Amino acid sequence: MDGENGKQGQGRAARLLLDSLDGYADPFVLCDPDDRVLYTNARYHELFPAAPPQGEIRGWGFEALLRRVLAGGETPDPGIPDPEEFIRLRLAQRAALAGRSLSEATIGGRLFRRVEERTPNGCVITSYSDITDLKQAQEAAERNAARLAAAVEAIPGGFMMMDEGLNYLVWNSRYPGIGGTTDAVIRSHGNVRETLWLQARRGDYDDLRLDPGAFTAGQVADTPCLATLLRCQAARPPGQRPTEEEMEAQVEWHLLRFRPGGRVDGDNAEREGTFRVAGSGAVIEFRRTYTPGLGWVSLYTDVTERMREAEETAAARAAAERALADLRAAQASLVQAEKLASLGGLVAGIAHELNTPIGITYTAATHLKDQAARFRARLEGGQLRRAELDEFLDLVAEGAALLEANAGRASQLVQSFKNVSADRTHDERRRFELGPALEELVVSLGPAGARPGTCSAWIARRG
């Protein structure tokens, strides 16, 4: 009775196993060590409808099964159009199979991954997994990655992206040169910490000297790497390389820029600014931003040429402004010189005009003086006659009239010059008679070189 129950249990277990295998999602076929079919599931027959029915396929040889499938019009692998060549290749693969092999095959327009594995007892299990959608997704991802790489490469300056762990993700070909490194270094030092260590050992931070007075005691106590850095720097003589402890503190000090809020000295990695590359002296403008959940994006632009052009433009502008100031000063000097020259000419003309009446006045005065001396001598000698007295009186009257006329002429010239000069230098409004003003102007212009008779004024007076 127990034996019968055991057989029933084994039969039930076998049916459960076969049902489970038949319901397996991937098509598969199991062959014995002689490469004859032991079992196929329903999905296998859906994939290869030309194969013998599931109830008749057991015992079929693998080669016969291949020929049956090919004869039924199926093309398991369009990459090998010759059926005999395909059969030969597949049999060779089966014969050489020692463990597990993977290959791809296009069946019914779909791409499958074929997995063949020889079991310890010599059987061969062949399963097929439809990877069409996965392959298409991979190809789409590769195309998108290529587009992203092309877009990143098209960025005019340097571009670099890091994740939140400061691991390098993407960069273009211009970034290494701008950052003073190489593509090989970035690939071999996959994150910022390793790069900082490389730079520290290279000596990039040997001249880093922090001012202890720039930090409070609380800031130093709350920042262990800062305390270590200040202590090591104080103990290191000038010209000596930092110790391993100091270099580690340098690295940690630089990394603090990437924490929320930045460092205690206010330096924050999420910012924009400029820096100068050691060695080349290139001026780099950068902008670094952080997006929670994504990481860091950095843009770098070489602005050396732009800065040089800006400096040259500023220098040229300053030179132009200096030249303009010099020109204006020269113009002012020329105007002043012209004014002085005009004034000199005017003074010379006035002097010339005044010379005539003053000369006549002087001549008349000296003549009267001489005649008065002779008159006195005749009078004192008792030889003066009535006719001589009358003659002397006429001479005095004539001389006085001549003196009065020429002195008046000189006074008129001086007054006209004073009036015209005052009108030219004052902007105050005043009432004046047009006729006398024009006459004074004509008189003042006379010394400027006008020939007699070339300038006249006609004034119609009212009343």
Protein backbone atom coordinates (compact mmCIF):
# COMPACT_ATOMS: atom_id res chain seq x y z
CA MET A 1 0.00 0.00 0.00
CA ASP A 2 2.81 2.37 0.89
CA GLY A 3 4.57 1.55 -2.37
CA GLU A 4 1.46 2.31 -4.35
CA ASN A 5 1.01 5.62 -2.54
CA GLY A 6 4.64 6.42 -3.25
CA LYS A 7 4.19 5.76 -6.95
CA GLN A 8 1.12 7.96 -7.00
CA GLY A 9 3.03 10.73 -5.25
CA GLN A 10 5.88 10.45 -7.71
CA GLY A 11 3.46 10.56 -10.61
CA ARG A 12 1.76 13.63 -9.20
CA ALA A 13 5.13 15.32 -8.68
CA ALA A 14 6.17 14.47 -12.23
CA ARG A 15 2.96 15.96 -13.61
CA LEU A 16 3.46 19.10 -11.53
CA LEU A 17 7.03 19.37 -12.81
CA LEU A 18 5.95 18.92 -16.42
CA ASP A 19 3.13 21.43 -15.99
CA SER A 20 5.57 23.91 -14.50
CA LEU A 21 8.07 23.40 -17.32
CA ASP A 22 5.33 23.68 -19.90
CA GLY A 23 4.21 26.98 -18.42
CA TYR A 24 7.73 28.38 -18.36
CA ALA A 25 7.77 31.80 -20.02
CA ASP A 26 10.81 31.23 -22.26
CA PRO A 27 10.83 28.58 -25.01
CA PHE A 28 13.26 25.73 -24.31
CA VAL A 29 14.21 22.25 -25.49
CA LEU A 30 15.97 19.53 -23.47
CA CYS A 31 18.13 16.97 -25.31
CA ASP A 32 19.82 13.84 -23.93
CA PRO A 33 23.59 13.17 -24.19
CA ASP A 34 23.00 11.72 -27.67
CA ASP A 35 21.42 15.03 -28.70
CA ARG A 36 17.89 13.62 -28.96
CA VAL A 37 14.90 15.59 -27.76
CA LEU A 38 13.62 14.70 -24.31
CA TYR A 39 11.22 17.57 -23.71
CA THR A 40 9.96 20.85 -25.19
CA ASN A 41 7.53 23.28 -23.61
CA ALA A 42 4.54 24.91 -25.28
CA ARG A 43 6.37 28.21 -25.84
CA TYR A 44 8.99 26.36 -27.92
CA HIS A 45 6.32 25.20 -30.36
CA GLU A 46 4.87 28.70 -30.53
CA LEU A 47 8.31 29.95 -31.52
CA PHE A 48 8.93 27.10 -34.00
CA PRO A 49 5.50 26.07 -35.39
CA ALA A 50 7.16 23.88 -38.08
CA ALA A 51 8.62 21.58 -35.40
CA PRO A 52 6.85 18.25 -34.70
CA PRO A 53 3.92 18.51 -32.28
CA GLN A 54 4.74 18.48 -28.59
CA GLY A 55 3.45 14.92 -28.18
CA GLU A 56 5.56 13.58 -31.08
CA ILE A 57 8.82 15.47 -30.80
CA ARG A 58 10.41 13.29 -28.13
CA GLY A 59 13.26 11.20 -29.56
CA TRP A 60 13.92 13.46 -32.51
CA GLY A 61 17.59 14.10 -33.16
CA PHE A 62 18.76 17.68 -32.99
CA GLU A 63 19.94 17.66 -36.63
CA ALA A 64 16.63 16.22 -37.84
CA LEU A 65 14.78 18.85 -35.82
CA LEU A 66 16.81 21.61 -37.45
CA ARG A 67 16.08 20.25 -40.93
CA ARG A 68 12.36 19.94 -40.11
CA VAL A 69 12.22 23.55 -38.98
CA LEU A 70 14.09 24.75 -42.07
CA ALA A 71 11.93 22.63 -44.40
CA GLY A 72 8.83 24.15 -42.85
CA GLY A 73 9.91 27.55 -44.04
CA GLU A 74 11.29 28.79 -40.76
CA THR A 75 14.54 30.76 -40.83
CA PRO A 76 16.06 30.57 -37.37
CA ASP A 77 18.93 32.88 -38.28
CA PRO A 78 18.61 35.18 -41.33
CA GLY A 79 22.26 36.05 -40.91
CA ILE A 80 23.14 32.64 -42.40
CA PRO A 81 20.95 32.23 -45.52
CA ASP A 82 22.43 28.86 -46.60
CA PRO A 83 20.50 26.12 -44.68
CA GLU A 84 23.32 23.56 -44.90
CA GLU A 85 25.83 26.11 -43.65
CA PHE A 86 23.50 26.97 -40.80
CA ILE A 87 23.06 23.29 -39.85
CA ARG A 88 26.81 22.66 -40.01
CA LEU A 89 27.55 25.66 -37.80
CA ARG A 90 24.93 24.74 -35.22
CA LEU A 91 26.08 21.11 -34.99
CA ALA A 92 29.68 22.29 -34.54
CA GLN A 93 28.58 24.59 -31.75
CA ARG A 94 26.72 21.75 -30.03
CA ALA A 95 29.66 19.42 -30.31
CA ALA A 96 32.04 21.98 -28.83
CA LEU A 97 29.67 22.92 -26.03
CA ALA A 98 31.28 22.18 -22.69
CA GLY A 99 29.58 24.55 -20.31
CA ARG A 100 27.36 27.46 -21.14
CA SER A 101 27.24 29.60 -24.28
CA LEU A 102 25.31 32.70 -25.26
CA SER A 103 24.39 33.81 -28.76
CA GLU A 104 21.76 35.88 -30.51
CA ALA A 105 19.38 34.83 -33.24
CA THR A 106 16.65 36.58 -35.19
CA ILE A 107 13.56 34.36 -35.33
CA GLY A 108 10.29 35.47 -36.87
CA GLY A 109 11.48 39.06 -37.01
CA ARG A 110 12.26 39.12 -33.28
CA LEU A 111 15.66 39.07 -31.60
CA PHE A 112 16.31 36.25 -29.12
CA ARG A 113 19.16 35.46 -26.79
CA ARG A 114 19.94 31.76 -27.14
CA VAL A 115 21.38 30.10 -24.04
CA GLU A 116 22.79 26.59 -24.38
CA GLU A 117 24.14 24.74 -21.39
CA ARG A 118 25.46 21.19 -21.02
CA THR A 119 24.52 19.62 -17.71
CA PRO A 120 26.86 17.38 -15.71
CA ASN A 121 25.05 14.27 -17.04
CA GLY A 122 25.66 15.37 -20.66
CA CYS A 123 22.20 16.70 -21.49
CA VAL A 124 21.84 20.00 -23.32
CA ILE A 125 19.24 22.64 -22.43
CA THR A 126 18.56 25.32 -25.04
CA SER A 127 16.38 28.28 -24.06
CA TYR A 128 15.34 31.38 -25.98
CA SER A 129 14.67 34.79 -24.40
CA ASP A 130 13.01 37.52 -26.43
CA ILE A 131 15.32 40.53 -26.07
CA THR A 132 13.87 42.58 -28.91
CA ASP A 133 12.43 45.27 -26.65
CA LEU A 134 15.54 45.25 -24.46
CA LYS A 135 17.78 45.55 -27.50
CA GLN A 136 15.71 48.38 -28.91
CA ALA A 137 15.83 50.13 -25.55
CA GLN A 138 19.61 49.66 -25.43
CA GLU A 139 20.00 51.00 -28.95
CA ALA A 140 17.76 53.95 -28.10
CA ALA A 141 19.83 54.57 -24.99
CA GLU A 142 23.02 54.40 -27.07
CA ARG A 143 21.57 56.85 -29.59
CA ASN A 144 20.54 59.19 -26.80
CA ALA A 145 23.96 58.85 -25.23
CA ALA A 146 25.55 59.67 -28.58
CA ARG A 147 23.30 62.70 -28.95
CA LEU A 148 24.16 63.79 -25.42
CA ALA A 149 27.87 63.32 -26.10
CA ALA A 150 27.56 65.35 -29.31
CA ALA A 151 25.64 68.09 -27.49
CA VAL A 152 28.21 68.17 -24.68
CA GLU A 153 31.04 68.26 -27.18
CA ALA A 154 29.34 71.14 -29.02
CA ILE A 155 29.43 73.32 -25.89
CA PRO A 156 31.91 76.11 -26.74
CA GLY A 157 33.89 75.90 -23.49
CA GLY A 158 34.68 73.15 -21.05
CA PHE A 159 31.82 71.10 -19.60
CA MET A 160 31.83 68.63 -16.74
CA MET A 161 29.09 66.87 -14.79
CA MET A 162 29.45 65.07 -11.45
CA ASP A 163 26.99 63.12 -9.34
CA GLU A 164 26.27 63.99 -5.72
CA GLY A 165 29.16 61.77 -4.66
CA LEU A 166 31.49 64.02 -6.74
CA ASN A 167 32.15 61.22 -9.25
CA TYR A 168 32.85 62.40 -12.79
CA LEU A 169 30.01 61.45 -15.15
CA VAL A 170 30.34 63.42 -18.39
CA TRP A 171 32.86 65.89 -19.75
CA ASN A 172 33.80 67.20 -23.17
CA SER A 173 37.21 67.21 -24.79
CA ARG A 174 37.88 70.85 -23.84
CA TYR A 175 37.44 70.39 -20.11
CA PRO A 176 40.73 68.57 -19.33
CA GLY A 177 42.83 71.23 -21.04
CA ILE A 178 40.99 74.08 -19.32
CA GLY A 179 41.21 72.30 -15.97
CA GLY A 180 44.95 71.77 -16.35
CA THR A 181 44.69 67.98 -16.58
CA THR A 182 44.20 65.23 -19.18
CA ASP A 183 41.41 62.90 -20.17
CA ALA A 184 43.48 59.94 -18.98
CA VAL A 185 43.91 61.50 -15.53
CA ILE A 186 40.17 62.10 -15.20
CA ARG A 187 39.39 58.52 -16.21
CA SER A 188 41.98 57.10 -13.84
CA HIS A 189 40.93 59.43 -10.99
CA GLY A 190 37.19 59.06 -11.20
CA ASN A 191 36.11 61.60 -8.59
CA VAL A 192 37.03 64.96 -7.15
CA ARG A 193 38.69 63.54 -4.03
CA GLU A 194 41.17 61.50 -6.08
CA THR A 195 41.84 64.49 -8.34
CA LEU A 196 42.50 66.72 -5.33
CA TRP A 197 44.91 64.14 -3.94
CA LEU A 198 46.71 64.08 -7.29
CA GLN A 199 46.99 67.87 -7.26
CA ALA A 200 48.15 67.92 -3.63
CA ARG A 201 50.89 65.35 -4.27
CA ARG A 202 51.84 67.26 -7.42
CA GLY A 203 52.44 70.35 -5.30
CA ASP A 204 49.57 72.50 -6.55
CA TYR A 205 48.70 73.53 -2.97
CA ASP A 206 52.20 73.91 -1.54
CA ASP A 207 51.76 77.69 -1.44
CA LEU A 208 48.40 77.46 0.33
CA ARG A 209 48.80 79.45 3.55
CA LEU A 210 45.68 80.28 5.53
CA ASP A 211 45.58 83.29 7.84
CA PRO A 212 44.79 82.05 11.38
CA GLY A 213 43.39 85.46 12.23
CA ALA A 214 40.67 85.05 9.60
CA PHE A 215 38.89 82.37 11.65
CA THR A 216 37.26 82.36 15.05
CA ALA A 217 38.17 79.82 17.71
CA GLY A 218 34.74 78.24 17.29
CA GLN A 219 35.19 77.85 13.53
CA VAL A 220 38.55 76.16 14.02
CA ALA A 221 37.16 73.86 16.71
CA ASP A 222 34.17 72.88 14.57
CA THR A 223 36.30 72.19 11.46
CA PRO A 224 38.90 69.49 12.22
CA CYS A 225 40.64 69.71 8.84
CA LEU A 226 41.01 73.49 9.29
CA ALA A 227 42.61 73.00 12.69
CA THR A 228 45.00 70.39 11.24
CA LEU A 229 45.84 72.60 8.27
CA LEU A 230 46.63 75.63 10.44
CA ARG A 231 48.77 73.54 12.79
CA CYS A 232 50.74 71.88 9.97
CA GLN A 233 51.25 75.15 8.12
CA ALA A 234 52.57 76.84 11.24
CA ALA A 235 55.09 74.02 11.75
CA ARG A 236 56.22 73.79 8.09
CA PRO A 237 59.25 75.93 7.17
CA PRO A 238 59.09 77.92 3.91
CA GLY A 239 60.14 75.88 0.89
CA GLN A 240 59.42 72.52 2.52
CA ARG A 241 56.84 70.15 1.02
CA PRO A 242 53.69 69.48 3.07
CA THR A 243 53.47 66.27 5.05
CA GLU A 244 50.93 63.57 4.22
CA GLU A 245 48.82 64.82 7.13
CA GLU A 246 48.80 68.37 5.77
CA MET A 247 47.97 67.20 2.23
CA GLU A 248 45.02 65.21 3.58
CA ALA A 249 43.84 68.35 5.39
CA GLN A 250 44.24 70.32 2.14
CA VAL A 251 42.05 67.82 0.30
CA GLU A 252 39.37 67.88 3.01
CA TRP A 253 39.49 71.68 3.12
CA HIS A 254 38.82 71.88 -0.62
CA LEU A 255 36.04 69.30 -0.41
CA LEU A 256 34.20 71.39 2.18
CA ARG A 257 33.29 73.80 -0.62
CA PHE A 258 30.85 71.19 -1.93
CA ARG A 259 28.88 70.80 1.28
CA PRO A 260 25.61 72.74 1.73
CA GLY A 261 26.44 76.30 2.68
CA GLY A 262 30.09 75.99 1.67
CA ARG A 263 33.10 76.50 3.92
CA VAL A 264 33.44 78.64 7.03
CA ASP A 265 35.44 81.19 5.01
CA GLY A 266 32.46 81.68 2.69
CA ASP A 267 33.89 79.77 -0.27
CA ASN A 268 31.10 77.80 -1.93
CA ALA A 269 31.50 75.45 -4.87
CA GLU A 270 28.12 76.55 -6.23
CA ARG A 271 29.14 79.90 -7.63
CA GLU A 272 30.72 81.65 -10.59
CA GLY A 273 33.99 83.46 -11.00
CA THR A 274 37.38 83.33 -12.66
CA PHE A 275 40.70 81.67 -11.97
CA ARG A 276 44.10 81.57 -13.62
CA VAL A 277 45.58 78.24 -14.72
CA ALA A 278 49.00 77.63 -13.24
CA GLY A 279 51.71 77.43 -15.87
CA SER A 280 49.80 78.64 -18.93
CA GLY A 281 48.41 81.72 -17.20
CA ALA A 282 45.10 81.30 -19.02
CA VAL A 283 42.15 83.12 -17.44
CA ILE A 284 39.15 80.81 -17.03
CA GLU A 285 35.61 81.94 -16.31
CA PHE A 286 33.51 79.25 -14.61
CA ARG A 287 29.97 78.64 -13.42
CA ARG A 288 29.16 75.70 -11.17
CA THR A 289 25.60 74.77 -10.16
CA TYR A 290 24.14 72.04 -7.97
CA THR A 291 20.81 70.26 -8.45
CA PRO A 292 19.63 68.04 -5.57
CA GLY A 293 19.26 64.45 -6.69
CA LEU A 294 21.29 65.03 -9.85
CA GLY A 295 24.63 66.51 -8.88
CA TRP A 296 26.95 69.20 -10.16
CA VAL A 297 27.25 70.86 -13.56
CA SER A 298 30.27 73.02 -14.34
CA LEU A 299 30.86 75.26 -17.36
CA TYR A 300 34.31 76.66 -18.12
CA THR A 301 35.20 79.31 -20.71
CA ASP A 302 38.67 80.48 -21.64
CA VAL A 303 38.37 84.28 -21.51
CA THR A 304 42.08 85.04 -21.82
CA GLU A 305 41.69 86.61 -25.25
CA ARG A 306 38.56 88.46 -24.21
CA MET A 307 40.29 89.83 -21.11
CA ARG A 308 43.29 90.86 -23.21
CA GLU A 309 41.03 92.62 -25.71
CA ALA A 310 39.16 94.32 -22.85
CA GLU A 311 42.45 95.50 -21.34
CA GLU A 312 43.63 96.74 -24.74
CA THR A 313 40.30 98.49 -25.29
CA ALA A 314 40.51 100.12 -21.85
CA ALA A 315 44.09 101.21 -22.54
CA ALA A 316 43.10 102.57 -25.96
CA ARG A 317 40.14 104.42 -24.43
CA ALA A 318 42.39 105.92 -21.75
CA ALA A 319 44.91 106.95 -24.42
CA ALA A 320 42.12 108.48 -26.52
CA GLU A 321 40.79 110.38 -23.51
CA ARG A 322 44.29 111.68 -22.75
CA ALA A 323 44.72 112.68 -26.39
CA LEU A 324 41.34 114.42 -26.33
CA ALA A 325 42.29 116.27 -23.16
CA ASP A 326 45.60 117.29 -24.76
CA LEU A 327 43.74 118.41 -27.89
CA ARG A 328 41.30 120.48 -25.88
CA ALA A 329 44.18 122.02 -23.96
CA ALA A 330 45.93 122.79 -27.25
CA GLN A 331 42.71 124.28 -28.64
CA ALA A 332 42.32 126.42 -25.55
CA SER A 333 45.94 127.49 -25.87
CA LEU A 334 45.42 128.35 -29.54
CA VAL A 335 42.28 130.31 -28.73
CA GLN A 336 44.15 132.17 -26.02
CA ALA A 337 47.03 132.79 -28.40
CA GLU A 338 44.60 134.07 -31.03
CA LYS A 339 43.00 136.31 -28.44
CA LEU A 340 46.38 137.64 -27.42
CA ALA A 341 47.35 138.09 -31.06
CA SER A 342 44.09 139.92 -31.76
CA LEU A 343 44.55 142.00 -28.66
CA GLY A 344 48.11 142.79 -29.70
CA GLY A 345 46.94 143.83 -33.15
CA LEU A 346 44.14 145.88 -31.66
CA VAL A 347 46.47 147.55 -29.18
CA ALA A 348 48.93 148.27 -31.98
CA GLY A 349 46.13 149.78 -34.05
CA ILE A 350 44.85 151.83 -31.13
CA ALA A 351 48.38 153.00 -30.44
CA HIS A 352 48.72 153.95 -34.10
CA GLU A 353 45.43 155.86 -34.06
CA LEU A 354 46.29 157.57 -30.78
CA ASN A 355 49.74 158.44 -32.04
CA THR A 356 48.37 161.04 -34.51
CA PRO A 357 46.35 163.23 -32.12
CA ILE A 358 48.88 162.80 -29.35
CA GLY A 359 51.71 163.66 -31.76
CA ILE A 360 49.87 166.74 -32.97
CA THR A 361 49.15 167.71 -29.38
CA TYR A 362 52.81 167.28 -28.46
CA THR A 363 53.95 169.30 -31.49
CA ALA A 364 51.45 172.06 -30.75
CA ALA A 365 52.47 172.16 -27.10
CA THR A 366 56.20 172.38 -27.88
CA HIS A 367 55.53 175.06 -30.52
CA LEU A 368 53.53 177.10 -28.02
CA LYS A 369 56.33 176.65 -25.50
CA ASP A 370 58.93 177.97 -27.95
CA GLN A 371 56.73 180.92 -28.97
CA ALA A 372 56.02 181.72 -25.32
CA ALA A 373 59.79 181.80 -24.61
CA ARG A 374 60.41 184.23 -27.52
CA PHE A 375 57.42 186.32 -26.45
CA ARG A 376 58.80 186.55 -22.90
CA ALA A 377 62.23 187.58 -24.22
CA ARG A 378 60.72 190.35 -26.39
CA LEU A 379 58.57 191.49 -23.49
CA GLU A 380 61.46 191.68 -21.01
CA GLY A 381 63.68 193.47 -23.57
CA GLY A 382 61.07 196.16 -24.04
CA GLN A 383 60.91 195.44 -27.71
CA LEU A 384 57.33 194.02 -27.81
CA ARG A 385 55.05 195.70 -30.26
CA ARG A 386 51.28 195.67 -30.48
CA ALA A 387 51.28 193.64 -33.66
CA GLU A 388 53.52 190.99 -32.07
CA LEU A 389 51.14 190.76 -29.08
CA ASP A 390 48.16 190.23 -31.34
CA GLU A 391 50.11 187.66 -33.34
CA PHE A 392 51.06 185.78 -30.14
CA LEU A 393 47.47 185.78 -28.89
CA ASP A 394 46.26 184.39 -32.22
CA LEU A 395 48.95 181.72 -32.04
CA VAL A 396 47.91 180.75 -28.51
CA ALA A 397 44.25 180.55 -29.50
CA GLU A 398 45.08 178.46 -32.55
CA GLY A 399 47.35 176.16 -30.51
CA ALA A 400 44.73 175.79 -27.76
CA ALA A 401 42.11 174.85 -30.35
CA LEU A 402 44.49 172.35 -31.89
CA LEU A 403 45.29 170.87 -28.48
CA GLU A 404 41.61 170.66 -27.58
CA ALA A 405 40.67 168.97 -30.86
CA ASN A 406 43.40 166.33 -30.77
CA ALA A 407 43.03 165.66 -27.04
CA GLY A 408 39.30 165.18 -27.63
CA ARG A 409 40.06 162.83 -30.52
CA ALA A 410 42.36 160.75 -28.30
CA SER A 411 39.79 160.70 -25.51
CA GLN A 412 37.09 159.58 -27.95
CA LEU A 413 39.25 156.71 -29.19
CA VAL A 414 40.00 155.54 -25.66
CA GLN A 415 36.35 155.73 -24.58
CA SER A 416 35.14 153.84 -27.67
CA PHE A 417 37.69 151.09 -27.06
CA LYS A 418 36.60 150.84 -23.42
CA ASN A 419 32.90 150.62 -24.33
CA VAL A 420 33.37 147.95 -27.00
CA SER A 421 35.62 145.90 -24.71
CA ALA A 422 33.06 146.09 -21.92
CA ASP A 423 30.26 144.97 -24.26
CA ARG A 424 32.30 141.95 -25.38
CA THR A 425 33.13 140.75 -21.88
CA HIS A 426 29.80 141.33 -20.11
CA ASP A 427 26.48 139.64 -20.76
CA GLU A 428 24.38 142.14 -18.79
CA ARG A 429 21.58 143.74 -20.74
CA ARG A 430 21.49 147.57 -20.88
CA ARG A 431 19.83 150.31 -22.88
CA PHE A 432 21.97 152.18 -25.42
CA GLU A 433 21.64 154.47 -28.40
CA LEU A 434 22.26 152.51 -31.57
CA GLY A 435 23.80 155.40 -33.45
CA PRO A 436 26.54 156.25 -30.97
CA ALA A 437 27.17 152.55 -30.41
CA LEU A 438 27.74 151.97 -34.12
CA GLU A 439 29.91 155.03 -34.33
CA GLU A 440 32.00 153.75 -31.41
CA LEU A 441 32.24 150.35 -33.12
CA VAL A 442 33.42 151.95 -36.35
CA VAL A 443 35.94 153.97 -34.43
CA SER A 444 37.21 150.87 -32.57
CA LEU A 445 37.47 148.89 -35.82
CA GLY A 446 39.48 151.59 -37.46
CA PRO A 447 42.74 150.53 -35.78
CA ALA A 448 42.18 146.91 -36.89
CA GLY A 449 43.41 147.74 -40.35
CA ALA A 450 40.40 149.25 -42.12
CA ARG A 451 41.42 151.69 -44.82
CA PRO A 452 39.89 155.14 -44.75
CA GLY A 453 36.65 155.23 -46.60
CA THR A 454 36.01 151.47 -46.52
CA CYS A 455 33.62 151.57 -43.55
CA SER A 456 30.88 154.08 -42.96
CA ALA A 457 27.70 154.23 -40.93
CA TRP A 458 24.50 156.05 -41.78
CA ILE A 459 22.08 156.49 -38.92
CA ALA A 460 18.62 157.89 -39.32
CA ARG A 461 17.96 159.65 -36.05
CA ARG A 462 14.47 160.14 -34.77
CA GLY A 463 13.32 163.65 -34.04
